[in-house]
Amino acid sequence: MVLFQDHLPQTGTMSTSLDALWTLCGIAILVNLSLFFFNLLPIPPLDGSHILRHHLPYNFLSVYDNLGMFSYLLMIFVAGPSSVSSWSRPSAW
């Protein structure tokens, strides 16, 4: 939101539909850029790991490929319980 702070309405309310559309586009761009840079992290399930893999020496490829299997398991154990508990709770509305 800092990037688009100059273009946001100052009063706190949207004066026109053009202001609301500009705010929505700014937030969408910010979310997409955040996801782009997150996806470039060299963690094996993400796309950045494929870029890093092509620059590794041949001796390290098998170790790095096995690391990818463990990172999937780590994501299941770290993100899995919180996502399952959020799905199993009844919604407030």
PDB file of N, CA and C in Angstrom:
ATOM      1  N   MET A   1       0.811  -1.190   0.000  1.00  0.00           N
ATOM      2  CA  MET A   1       0.000   0.000   0.000  1.00  0.00           C
ATOM      3  C   MET A   1       0.856   1.256   0.000  1.00  0.00           C
ATOM      4  N   VAL A   2       2.082   1.158   0.419  1.00  0.00           N
ATOM      5  CA  VAL A   2       2.958   2.320   0.452  1.00  0.00           C
ATOM      6  C   VAL A   2       3.220   2.819  -0.968  1.00  0.00           C
ATOM      7  N   LEU A   3       3.311   1.896  -1.926  1.00  0.00           N
ATOM      8  CA  LEU A   3       3.578   2.294  -3.306  1.00  0.00           C
ATOM      9  C   LEU A   3       2.456   3.142  -3.885  1.00  0.00           C
ATOM     10  N   PHE A   4       1.240   2.896  -3.448  1.00  0.00           N
ATOM     11  CA  PHE A   4       0.081   3.562  -4.029  1.00  0.00           C
ATOM     12  C   PHE A   4      -0.511   4.606  -3.095  1.00  0.00           C
ATOM     13  N   GLN A   5       0.237   5.015  -2.091  1.00  0.00           N
ATOM     14  CA  GLN A   5      -0.287   5.919  -1.086  1.00  0.00           C
ATOM     15  C   GLN A   5      -0.631   7.285  -1.679  1.00  0.00           C
ATOM     16  N   ASP A   6       0.099   7.727  -2.679  1.00  0.00           N
ATOM     17  CA  ASP A   6      -0.188   9.033  -3.285  1.00  0.00           C
ATOM     18  C   ASP A   6      -1.477   9.022  -4.090  1.00  0.00           C
ATOM     19  N   HIS A   7      -1.911   7.855  -4.530  1.00  0.00           N
ATOM     20  CA  HIS A   7      -3.082   7.773  -5.381  1.00  0.00           C
ATOM     21  C   HIS A   7      -4.343   7.393  -4.624  1.00  0.00           C
ATOM     22  N   LEU A   8      -4.229   7.073  -3.345  1.00  0.00           N
ATOM     23  CA  LEU A   8      -5.401   6.728  -2.551  1.00  0.00           C
ATOM     24  C   LEU A   8      -6.115   7.989  -2.099  1.00  0.00           C
ATOM     25  N   PRO A   9      -7.439   7.929  -1.979  1.00  0.00           N
ATOM     26  CA  PRO A   9      -8.171   9.094  -1.497  1.00  0.00           C
ATOM     27  C   PRO A   9      -7.765   9.415  -0.058  1.00  0.00           C
ATOM     28  N   GLN A  10      -7.654  10.691   0.275  1.00  0.00           N
ATOM     29  CA  GLN A  10      -7.179  11.117   1.581  1.00  0.00           C
ATOM     30  C   GLN A  10      -8.288  11.132   2.628  1.00  0.00           C
ATOM     31  N   THR A  11      -9.550  11.201   2.229  1.00  0.00           N
ATOM     32  CA  THR A  11     -10.634  11.342   3.197  1.00  0.00           C
ATOM     33  C   THR A  11     -11.034  10.031   3.840  1.00  0.00           C
ATOM     34  N   GLY A  12     -10.625   8.909   3.290  1.00  0.00           N
ATOM     35  CA  GLY A  12     -11.009   7.622   3.846  1.00  0.00           C
ATOM     36  C   GLY A  12     -12.221   7.029   3.161  1.00  0.00           C
ATOM     37  N   THR A  13     -12.944   7.814   2.390  1.00  0.00           N
ATOM     38  CA  THR A  13     -14.076   7.298   1.632  1.00  0.00           C
ATOM     39  C   THR A  13     -13.780   7.471   0.153  1.00  0.00           C
ATOM     40  N   MET A  14     -14.348   6.619  -0.651  1.00  0.00           N
ATOM     41  CA  MET A  14     -14.163   6.709  -2.090  1.00  0.00           C
ATOM     42  C   MET A  14     -15.138   7.748  -2.634  1.00  0.00           C
ATOM     43  N   SER A  15     -14.599   8.810  -3.232  1.00  0.00           N
ATOM     44  CA  SER A  15     -15.477   9.865  -3.720  1.00  0.00           C
ATOM     45  C   SER A  15     -16.128   9.485  -5.046  1.00  0.00           C
ATOM     46  N   THR A  16     -15.422   8.741  -5.877  1.00  0.00           N
ATOM     47  CA  THR A  16     -15.994   8.322  -7.148  1.00  0.00           C
ATOM     48  C   THR A  16     -15.700   6.842  -7.359  1.00  0.00           C
ATOM     49  N   SER A  17     -16.349   6.284  -8.315  1.00  0.00           N
ATOM     50  CA  SER A  17     -16.079   4.885  -8.632  1.00  0.00           C
ATOM     51  C   SER A  17     -14.708   4.730  -9.273  1.00  0.00           C
ATOM     52  N   LEU A  18     -14.189   5.796  -9.870  1.00  0.00           N
ATOM     53  CA  LEU A  18     -12.849   5.761 -10.448  1.00  0.00           C
ATOM     54  C   LEU A  18     -11.791   5.628  -9.344  1.00  0.00           C
ATOM     55  N   ASP A  19     -12.007   6.265  -8.215  1.00  0.00           N
ATOM     56  CA  ASP A  19     -11.093   6.115  -7.078  1.00  0.00           C
ATOM     57  C   ASP A  19     -11.103   4.677  -6.557  1.00  0.00           C
ATOM     58  N   ALA A  20     -12.282   4.091  -6.490  1.00  0.00           N
ATOM     59  CA  ALA A  20     -12.381   2.710  -6.028  1.00  0.00           C
ATOM     60  C   ALA A  20     -11.715   1.752  -7.003  1.00  0.00           C
ATOM     61  N   LEU A  21     -11.892   1.988  -8.288  1.00  0.00           N
ATOM     62  CA  LEU A  21     -11.268   1.147  -9.300  1.00  0.00           C
ATOM     63  C   LEU A  21      -9.740   1.288  -9.257  1.00  0.00           C
ATOM     64  N   TRP A  22      -9.250   2.515  -9.078  1.00  0.00           N
ATOM     65  CA  TRP A  22      -7.815   2.743  -8.983  1.00  0.00           C
ATOM     66  C   TRP A  22      -7.234   2.035  -7.756  1.00  0.00           C
ATOM     67  N   THR A  23      -7.931   2.079  -6.645  1.00  0.00           N
ATOM     68  CA  THR A  23      -7.475   1.408  -5.430  1.00  0.00           C
ATOM     69  C   THR A  23      -7.465  -0.101  -5.622  1.00  0.00           C
ATOM     70  N   LEU A  24      -8.492  -0.640  -6.246  1.00  0.00           N
ATOM     71  CA  LEU A  24      -8.564  -2.076  -6.496  1.00  0.00           C
ATOM     72  C   LEU A  24      -7.434  -2.527  -7.419  1.00  0.00           C
ATOM     73  N   CYS A  25      -7.162  -1.770  -8.456  1.00  0.00           N
ATOM     74  CA  CYS A  25      -6.056  -2.117  -9.366  1.00  0.00           C
ATOM     75  C   CYS A  25      -4.711  -2.031  -8.660  1.00  0.00           C
ATOM     76  N   GLY A  26      -4.532  -1.043  -7.823  1.00  0.00           N
ATOM     77  CA  GLY A  26      -3.283  -0.907  -7.077  1.00  0.00           C
ATOM     78  C   GLY A  26      -3.057  -2.058  -6.125  1.00  0.00           C
ATOM     79  N   ILE A  27      -4.095  -2.474  -5.435  1.00  0.00           N
ATOM     80  CA  ILE A  27      -3.974  -3.611  -4.518  1.00  0.00           C
ATOM     81  C   ILE A  27      -3.714  -4.894  -5.296  1.00  0.00           C
ATOM     82  N   ALA A  28      -4.365  -5.068  -6.442  1.00  0.00           N
ATOM     83  CA  ALA A  28      -4.143  -6.265  -7.260  1.00  0.00           C
ATOM     84  C   ALA A  28      -2.710  -6.331  -7.768  1.00  0.00           C
ATOM     85  N   ILE A  29      -2.153  -5.194  -8.175  1.00  0.00           N
ATOM     86  CA  ILE A  29      -0.766  -5.165  -8.629  1.00  0.00           C
ATOM     87  C   ILE A  29       0.172  -5.503  -7.488  1.00  0.00           C
ATOM     88  N   LEU A  30      -0.088  -4.963  -6.315  1.00  0.00           N
ATOM     89  CA  LEU A  30       0.760  -5.230  -5.155  1.00  0.00           C
ATOM     90  C   LEU A  30       0.724  -6.703  -4.759  1.00  0.00           C
ATOM     91  N   VAL A  31      -0.445  -7.308  -4.777  1.00  0.00           N
ATOM     92  CA  VAL A  31      -0.564  -8.729  -4.443  1.00  0.00           C
ATOM     93  C   VAL A  31       0.164  -9.581  -5.476  1.00  0.00           C
ATOM     94  N   ASN A  32       0.006  -9.276  -6.744  1.00  0.00           N
ATOM     95  CA  ASN A  32       0.675 -10.051  -7.790  1.00  0.00           C
ATOM     96  C   ASN A  32       2.190  -9.918  -7.726  1.00  0.00           C
ATOM     97  N   LEU A  33       2.701  -8.727  -7.441  1.00  0.00           N
ATOM     98  CA  LEU A  33       4.147  -8.570  -7.296  1.00  0.00           C
ATOM     99  C   LEU A  33       4.672  -9.326  -6.078  1.00  0.00           C
ATOM    100  N   SER A  34       3.905  -9.319  -4.996  1.00  0.00           N
ATOM    101  CA  SER A  34       4.314 -10.070  -3.808  1.00  0.00           C
ATOM    102  C   SER A  34       4.365 -11.566  -4.099  1.00  0.00           C
ATOM    103  N   LEU A  35       3.373 -12.079  -4.787  1.00  0.00           N
ATOM    104  CA  LEU A  35       3.371 -13.505  -5.145  1.00  0.00           C
ATOM    105  C   LEU A  35       4.495 -13.838  -6.122  1.00  0.00           C
ATOM    106  N   PHE A  36       4.806 -12.926  -7.023  1.00  0.00           N
ATOM    107  CA  PHE A  36       5.897 -13.136  -7.975  1.00  0.00           C
ATOM    108  C   PHE A  36       7.227 -13.305  -7.249  1.00  0.00           C
ATOM    109  N   PHE A  37       7.521 -12.379  -6.327  1.00  0.00           N
ATOM    110  CA  PHE A  37       8.793 -12.464  -5.617  1.00  0.00           C
ATOM    111  C   PHE A  37       8.828 -13.633  -4.634  1.00  0.00           C
ATOM    112  N   PHE A  38       7.695 -13.976  -4.042  1.00  0.00           N
ATOM    113  CA  PHE A  38       7.652 -15.142  -3.164  1.00  0.00           C
ATOM    114  C   PHE A  38       7.925 -16.418  -3.956  1.00  0.00           C
ATOM    115  N   ASN A  39       7.392 -16.506  -5.158  1.00  0.00           N
ATOM    116  CA  ASN A  39       7.565 -17.696  -5.984  1.00  0.00           C
ATOM    117  C   ASN A  39       9.010 -17.854  -6.458  1.00  0.00           C
ATOM    118  N   LEU A  40       9.793 -16.782  -6.469  1.00  0.00           N
ATOM    119  CA  LEU A  40      11.191 -16.869  -6.880  1.00  0.00           C
ATOM    120  C   LEU A  40      12.125 -17.309  -5.757  1.00  0.00           C
ATOM    121  N   LEU A  41      11.610 -17.549  -4.564  1.00  0.00           N
ATOM    122  CA  LEU A  41      12.458 -18.054  -3.485  1.00  0.00           C
ATOM    123  C   LEU A  41      12.969 -19.446  -3.853  1.00  0.00           C
ATOM    124  N   PRO A  42      14.233 -19.746  -3.547  1.00  0.00           N
ATOM    125  CA  PRO A  42      14.793 -21.053  -3.949  1.00  0.00           C
ATOM    126  C   PRO A  42      14.433 -22.186  -3.000  1.00  0.00           C
ATOM    127  N   ILE A  43      13.166 -22.300  -2.650  1.00  0.00           N
ATOM    128  CA  ILE A  43      12.666 -23.409  -1.844  1.00  0.00           C
ATOM    129  C   ILE A  43      12.099 -24.429  -2.833  1.00  0.00           C
ATOM    130  N   PRO A  44      12.455 -25.701  -2.711  1.00  0.00           N
ATOM    131  CA  PRO A  44      12.163 -26.680  -3.759  1.00  0.00           C
ATOM    132  C   PRO A  44      10.747 -26.764  -4.336  1.00  0.00           C
ATOM    133  N   PRO A  45       9.673 -26.568  -3.656  1.00  0.00           N
ATOM    134  CA  PRO A  45       8.408 -26.628  -4.415  1.00  0.00           C
ATOM    135  C   PRO A  45       8.165 -25.399  -5.287  1.00  0.00           C
ATOM    136  N   LEU A  46       8.834 -24.302  -5.004  1.00  0.00           N
ATOM    137  CA  LEU A  46       8.596 -23.065  -5.740  1.00  0.00           C
ATOM    138  C   LEU A  46       9.441 -23.015  -7.011  1.00  0.00           C
ATOM    139  N   ASP A  47       9.099 -22.099  -7.908  1.00  0.00           N
ATOM    140  CA  ASP A  47       9.794 -22.000  -9.195  1.00  0.00           C
ATOM    141  C   ASP A  47      11.238 -21.534  -9.062  1.00  0.00           C
ATOM    142  N   GLY A  48      11.554 -20.789  -8.031  1.00  0.00           N
ATOM    143  CA  GLY A  48      12.924 -20.345  -7.836  1.00  0.00           C
ATOM    144  C   GLY A  48      13.885 -21.496  -7.624  1.00  0.00           C
ATOM    145  N   SER A  49      13.380 -22.609  -7.134  1.00  0.00           N
ATOM    146  CA  SER A  49      14.249 -23.772  -6.936  1.00  0.00           C
ATOM    147  C   SER A  49      14.679 -24.361  -8.280  1.00  0.00           C
ATOM    148  N   HIS A  50      13.839 -24.279  -9.284  1.00  0.00           N
ATOM    149  CA  HIS A  50      14.204 -24.791 -10.605  1.00  0.00           C
ATOM    150  C   HIS A  50      15.298 -23.929 -11.231  1.00  0.00           C
ATOM    151  N   ILE A  51      15.242 -22.636 -10.971  1.00  0.00           N
ATOM    152  CA  ILE A  51      16.292 -21.748 -11.475  1.00  0.00           C
ATOM    153  C   ILE A  51      17.608 -22.067 -10.779  1.00  0.00           C
ATOM    154  N   LEU A  52      17.568 -22.241  -9.460  1.00  0.00           N
ATOM    155  CA  LEU A  52      18.783 -22.563  -8.711  1.00  0.00           C
ATOM    156  C   LEU A  52      19.331 -23.929  -9.104  1.00  0.00           C
ATOM    157  N   ARG A  53      18.458 -24.889  -9.369  1.00  0.00           N
ATOM    158  CA  ARG A  53      18.888 -26.254  -9.709  1.00  0.00           C
ATOM    159  C   ARG A  53      19.748 -26.274 -10.976  1.00  0.00           C
ATOM    160  N   HIS A  54      19.425 -25.435 -11.930  1.00  0.00           N
ATOM    161  CA  HIS A  54      20.188 -25.406 -13.180  1.00  0.00           C
ATOM    162  C   HIS A  54      21.580 -24.804 -13.013  1.00  0.00           C
ATOM    163  N   HIS A  55      21.818 -24.135 -11.898  1.00  0.00           N
ATOM    164  CA  HIS A  55      23.125 -23.533 -11.658  1.00  0.00           C
ATOM    165  C   HIS A  55      23.966 -24.331 -10.662  1.00  0.00           C
ATOM    166  N   LEU A  56      23.452 -25.444 -10.169  1.00  0.00           N
ATOM    167  CA  LEU A  56      24.207 -26.269  -9.230  1.00  0.00           C
ATOM    168  C   LEU A  56      25.139 -27.219  -9.968  1.00  0.00           C
ATOM    169  N   PRO A  57      26.255 -27.583  -9.342  1.00  0.00           N
ATOM    170  CA  PRO A  57      27.118 -28.610  -9.943  1.00  0.00           C
ATOM    171  C   PRO A  57      26.425 -29.970  -9.961  1.00  0.00           C
ATOM    172  N   TYR A  58      26.879 -30.840 -10.817  1.00  0.00           N
ATOM    173  CA  TYR A  58      26.247 -32.147 -11.007  1.00  0.00           C
ATOM    174  C   TYR A  58      26.246 -32.967  -9.719  1.00  0.00           C
ATOM    175  N   ASN A  59      27.265 -32.842  -8.893  1.00  0.00           N
ATOM    176  CA  ASN A  59      27.363 -33.635  -7.668  1.00  0.00           C
ATOM    177  C   ASN A  59      26.273 -33.289  -6.652  1.00  0.00           C
ATOM    178  N   PHE A  60      25.745 -32.075  -6.694  1.00  0.00           N
ATOM    179  CA  PHE A  60      24.753 -31.640  -5.720  1.00  0.00           C
ATOM    180  C   PHE A  60      23.317 -31.842  -6.178  1.00  0.00           C
ATOM    181  N   LEU A  61      23.100 -32.257  -7.414  1.00  0.00           N
ATOM    182  CA  LEU A  61      21.735 -32.360  -7.941  1.00  0.00           C
ATOM    183  C   LEU A  61      20.896 -33.391  -7.204  1.00  0.00           C
ATOM    184  N   SER A  62      21.444 -34.558  -6.901  1.00  0.00           N
ATOM    185  CA  SER A  62      20.658 -35.587  -6.225  1.00  0.00           C
ATOM    186  C   SER A  62      20.303 -35.158  -4.795  1.00  0.00           C
ATOM    187  N   VAL A  63      21.231 -34.476  -4.138  1.00  0.00           N
ATOM    188  CA  VAL A  63      20.951 -33.987  -2.780  1.00  0.00           C
ATOM    189  C   VAL A  63      19.853 -32.928  -2.830  1.00  0.00           C
ATOM    190  N   TYR A  64      19.940 -32.038  -3.783  1.00  0.00           N
ATOM    191  CA  TYR A  64      18.949 -30.970  -3.907  1.00  0.00           C
ATOM    192  C   TYR A  64      17.576 -31.521  -4.293  1.00  0.00           C
ATOM    193  N   ASP A  65      17.549 -32.558  -5.132  1.00  0.00           N
ATOM    194  CA  ASP A  65      16.278 -33.178  -5.504  1.00  0.00           C
ATOM    195  C   ASP A  65      15.631 -33.868  -4.307  1.00  0.00           C
ATOM    196  N   ASN A  66      16.429 -34.501  -3.463  1.00  0.00           N
ATOM    197  CA  ASN A  66      15.877 -35.127  -2.256  1.00  0.00           C
ATOM    198  C   ASN A  66      15.383 -34.090  -1.260  1.00  0.00           C
ATOM    199  N   LEU A  67      15.986 -32.925  -1.252  1.00  0.00           N
ATOM    200  CA  LEU A  67      15.542 -31.846  -0.388  1.00  0.00           C
ATOM    201  C   LEU A  67      14.118 -31.420  -0.748  1.00  0.00           C
ATOM    202  N   GLY A  68      13.780 -31.502  -2.023  1.00  0.00           N
ATOM    203  CA  GLY A  68      12.434 -31.145  -2.456  1.00  0.00           C
ATOM    204  C   GLY A  68      11.374 -32.025  -1.856  1.00  0.00           C
ATOM    205  N   MET A  69      11.655 -33.305  -1.692  1.00  0.00           N
ATOM    206  CA  MET A  69      10.690 -34.222  -1.092  1.00  0.00           C
ATOM    207  C   MET A  69      10.457 -33.868   0.378  1.00  0.00           C
ATOM    208  N   PHE A  70      11.518 -33.512   1.080  1.00  0.00           N
ATOM    209  CA  PHE A  70      11.369 -33.160   2.485  1.00  0.00           C
ATOM    210  C   PHE A  70      10.678 -31.823   2.673  1.00  0.00           C
ATOM    211  N   SER A  71      10.835 -30.922   1.738  1.00  0.00           N
ATOM    212  CA  SER A  71      10.170 -29.629   1.871  1.00  0.00           C
ATOM    213  C   SER A  71       8.659 -29.772   1.699  1.00  0.00           C
ATOM    214  N   TYR A  72       8.202 -30.702   0.870  1.00  0.00           N
ATOM    215  CA  TYR A  72       6.767 -30.963   0.783  1.00  0.00           C
ATOM    216  C   TYR A  72       6.234 -31.470   2.109  1.00  0.00           C
ATOM    217  N   LEU A  73       6.953 -32.391   2.728  1.00  0.00           N
ATOM    218  CA  LEU A  73       6.528 -32.909   4.026  1.00  0.00           C
ATOM    219  C   LEU A  73       6.538 -31.817   5.086  1.00  0.00           C
ATOM    220  N   LEU A  74       7.535 -30.956   5.051  1.00  0.00           N
ATOM    221  CA  LEU A  74       7.607 -29.859   6.003  1.00  0.00           C
ATOM    222  C   LEU A  74       6.420 -28.906   5.825  1.00  0.00           C
ATOM    223  N   MET A  75       6.067 -28.606   4.592  1.00  0.00           N
ATOM    224  CA  MET A  75       4.924 -27.730   4.355  1.00  0.00           C
ATOM    225  C   MET A  75       3.629 -28.370   4.820  1.00  0.00           C
ATOM    226  N   ILE A  76       3.496 -29.684   4.667  1.00  0.00           N
ATOM    227  CA  ILE A  76       2.283 -30.359   5.122  1.00  0.00           C
ATOM    228  C   ILE A  76       2.168 -30.277   6.637  1.00  0.00           C
ATOM    229  N   PHE A  77       3.277 -30.484   7.351  1.00  0.00           N
ATOM    230  CA  PHE A  77       3.225 -30.458   8.808  1.00  0.00           C
ATOM    231  C   PHE A  77       3.126 -29.050   9.374  1.00  0.00           C
ATOM    232  N   VAL A  78       3.681 -28.066   8.680  1.00  0.00           N
ATOM    233  CA  VAL A  78       3.625 -26.692   9.179  1.00  0.00           C
ATOM    234  C   VAL A  78       2.317 -26.013   8.796  1.00  0.00           C
ATOM    235  N   ALA A  79       1.952 -26.067   7.534  1.00  0.00           N
ATOM    236  CA  ALA A  79       0.756 -25.373   7.067  1.00  0.00           C
ATOM    237  C   ALA A  79      -0.491 -26.228   7.166  1.00  0.00           C
ATOM    238  N   GLY A  80      -0.333 -27.531   7.208  1.00  0.00           N
ATOM    239  CA  GLY A  80      -1.481 -28.423   7.211  1.00  0.00           C
ATOM    240  C   GLY A  80      -2.412 -28.271   8.398  1.00  0.00           C
ATOM    241  N   PRO A  81      -1.912 -28.337   9.632  1.00  0.00           N
ATOM    242  CA  PRO A  81      -2.834 -28.245  10.779  1.00  0.00           C
ATOM    243  C   PRO A  81      -3.585 -26.927  10.851  1.00  0.00           C
ATOM    244  N   SER A  82      -2.940 -25.819  10.517  1.00  0.00           N
ATOM    245  CA  SER A  82      -3.640 -24.538  10.586  1.00  0.00           C
ATOM    246  C   SER A  82      -4.704 -24.425   9.502  1.00  0.00           C
ATOM    247  N   SER A  83      -4.429 -24.956   8.315  1.00  0.00           N
ATOM    248  CA  SER A  83      -5.439 -24.869   7.257  1.00  0.00           C
ATOM    249  C   SER A  83      -6.606 -25.811   7.522  1.00  0.00           C
ATOM    250  N   VAL A  84      -6.329 -26.983   8.073  1.00  0.00           N
ATOM    251  CA  VAL A  84      -7.411 -27.913   8.391  1.00  0.00           C
ATOM    252  C   VAL A  84      -8.272 -27.369   9.513  1.00  0.00           C
ATOM    253  N   SER A  85      -7.660 -26.750  10.521  1.00  0.00           N
ATOM    254  CA  SER A  85      -8.453 -26.202  11.617  1.00  0.00           C
ATOM    255  C   SER A  85      -9.295 -25.023  11.154  1.00  0.00           C
ATOM    256  N   SER A  86      -8.804 -24.239  10.198  1.00  0.00           N
ATOM    257  CA  SER A  86      -9.611 -23.119   9.698  1.00  0.00           C
ATOM    258  C   SER A  86     -10.773 -23.615   8.847  1.00  0.00           C
ATOM    259  N   TRP A  87     -10.626 -24.758   8.182  1.00  0.00           N
ATOM    260  CA  TRP A  87     -11.726 -25.304   7.395  1.00  0.00           C
ATOM    261  C   TRP A  87     -12.761 -26.002   8.273  1.00  0.00           C
ATOM    262  N   SER A  88     -12.314 -26.559   9.379  1.00  0.00           N
ATOM    263  CA  SER A  88     -13.234 -27.333  10.206  1.00  0.00           C
ATOM    264  C   SER A  88     -14.032 -26.480  11.178  1.00  0.00           C
ATOM    265  N   ARG A  89     -13.615 -25.239  11.412  1.00  0.00           N
ATOM    266  CA  ARG A  89     -14.362 -24.362  12.317  1.00  0.00           C
ATOM    267  C   ARG A  89     -15.634 -23.851  11.632  1.00  0.00           C
ATOM    268  N   PRO A  90     -16.706 -23.735  12.364  1.00  0.00           N
ATOM    269  CA  PRO A  90     -17.909 -23.149  11.756  1.00  0.00           C
ATOM    270  C   PRO A  90     -17.698 -21.652  11.527  1.00  0.00           C
ATOM    271  N   SER A  91     -18.237 -21.164  10.452  1.00  0.00           N
ATOM    272  CA  SER A  91     -18.043 -19.748  10.132  1.00  0.00           C
ATOM    273  C   SER A  91     -18.943 -18.887  11.017  1.00  0.00           C
ATOM    274  N   ALA A  92     -18.536 -17.639  11.195  1.00  0.00           N
ATOM    275  CA  ALA A  92     -19.278 -16.724  12.058  1.00  0.00           C
ATOM    276  C   ALA A  92     -20.507 -16.158  11.356  1.00  0.00           C
ATOM    277  N   TRP A  93     -20.558 -16.208  10.052  1.00  0.00           N
ATOM    278  CA  TRP A  93     -21.706 -15.650   9.344  1.00  0.00           C
ATOM    279  C   TRP A  93     -22.377 -16.739   8.647  1.00  0.00           C
TER     280      TRP A  93
END
